[in-house]
Every structure is written in C-alpha cells, then in structure tokens.
Protein backbone atom coordinates (compact mmCIF):
# COMPACT_ATOMS: atom_id res chain seq x y z
CA MET A 1 -20.96 -28.30 10.95
CA ARG A 2 -19.74 -25.83 13.18
CA GLU A 3 -17.07 -25.02 10.95
CA LEU A 4 -19.44 -24.39 8.21
CA ILE A 5 -21.34 -21.60 9.76
CA ILE A 6 -17.63 -20.21 10.99
CA ALA A 7 -16.81 -20.22 7.36
CA PHE A 8 -19.88 -18.42 6.46
CA GLY A 9 -19.62 -15.96 9.10
CA LEU A 10 -15.69 -15.46 7.93
CA PHE A 11 -17.26 -14.92 4.23
CA LEU A 12 -19.84 -12.05 5.35
CA PHE A 13 -16.92 -10.50 7.40
CA ILE A 14 -14.34 -10.33 4.55
CA GLU A 15 -16.61 -9.62 1.99
CA GLY A 16 -18.15 -6.66 4.52
CA ILE A 17 -14.53 -5.31 4.53
CA LEU A 18 -14.26 -5.20 1.19
CA TYR A 19 -17.54 -3.38 0.39
CA ALA A 20 -16.45 -0.84 3.56
CA ILE A 21 -13.40 0.09 2.24
CA PHE A 22 -13.01 -0.21 -1.21
CA PRO A 23 -16.46 0.66 -2.57
CA SER A 24 -15.50 2.15 -6.12
CA LYS A 25 -13.23 -0.45 -6.56
CA MET A 26 -16.10 -3.13 -6.22
CA LYS A 27 -18.00 -1.16 -8.10
CA SER A 28 -15.66 -1.32 -11.19
CA MET A 29 -14.94 -5.01 -10.61
CA LEU A 30 -18.87 -5.68 -10.31
CA LYS A 31 -20.65 -3.62 -13.56
CA LYS A 32 -24.18 -4.96 -12.46
CA ILE A 33 -24.24 -2.86 -9.74
CA GLU A 34 -23.12 0.31 -11.02
CA LEU A 35 -26.23 2.24 -10.50
CA ILE A 36 -26.07 1.69 -6.59
CA LYS A 37 -24.58 4.73 -4.59
CA ASP A 38 -20.89 4.39 -2.94
CA SER A 39 -22.81 5.04 0.61
CA GLN A 40 -24.99 2.27 -0.13
CA LEU A 41 -22.50 -0.09 -0.53
CA ARG A 42 -20.38 0.78 2.48
CA THR A 43 -23.47 0.62 4.26
CA GLY A 44 -23.88 -2.96 3.15
CA GLY A 45 -20.46 -3.78 3.41
CA LEU A 46 -20.65 -2.54 7.24
CA ILE A 47 -23.85 -4.37 8.07
CA PHE A 48 -22.16 -7.81 6.18
CA MET A 49 -18.98 -6.85 8.16
CA ILE A 50 -21.05 -6.51 11.64
CA LEU A 51 -23.29 -9.76 11.06
CA GLY A 52 -20.11 -11.64 10.01
CA PHE A 53 -18.56 -10.91 12.88
CA VAL A 54 -21.69 -11.80 15.45
CA ILE A 55 -21.71 -15.12 13.85
CA ILE A 56 -18.01 -15.92 14.44
CA TYR A 57 -18.16 -14.62 18.10
CA TYR A 58 -21.32 -16.70 18.51
CA VAL A 59 -20.33 -19.78 16.88
CA LYS A 60 -16.85 -19.47 18.93
CA ASN A 61 -17.53 -19.01 22.18
C-alpha cells in the first residue's frame, strides 16, 4: 500500500513538472483544454508538483 501512495505522489510530481515547464506543449497535446490560459496551467502544475513532493516526503519519512 505504501508503494502505491509513493507512486501516486510521483505521478502528481511528474505531471506537475510537465504542466509547469511546458504549458504550451501540453495544450497542443490535449486539445480539450485549449481554452485554459498558460498561467492557469502553470499554477495548477506547480500545485500538483508540490502536492506530489509532499506526499512522497511524508510517506518516505
């Protein structure tokens, strides 16, 4: 169960990095979210990245 939580945290971290670093590329890959502003994607990506890091940190300690 612990590994599943770590994997979920890692998923959120990686997903967050992608949206934070490459918001315009992610928009082109996911046409459904084309109406969302880059700043909103970046903010959401940063939130997911931090959430994923916190999950990994607390589960590993």
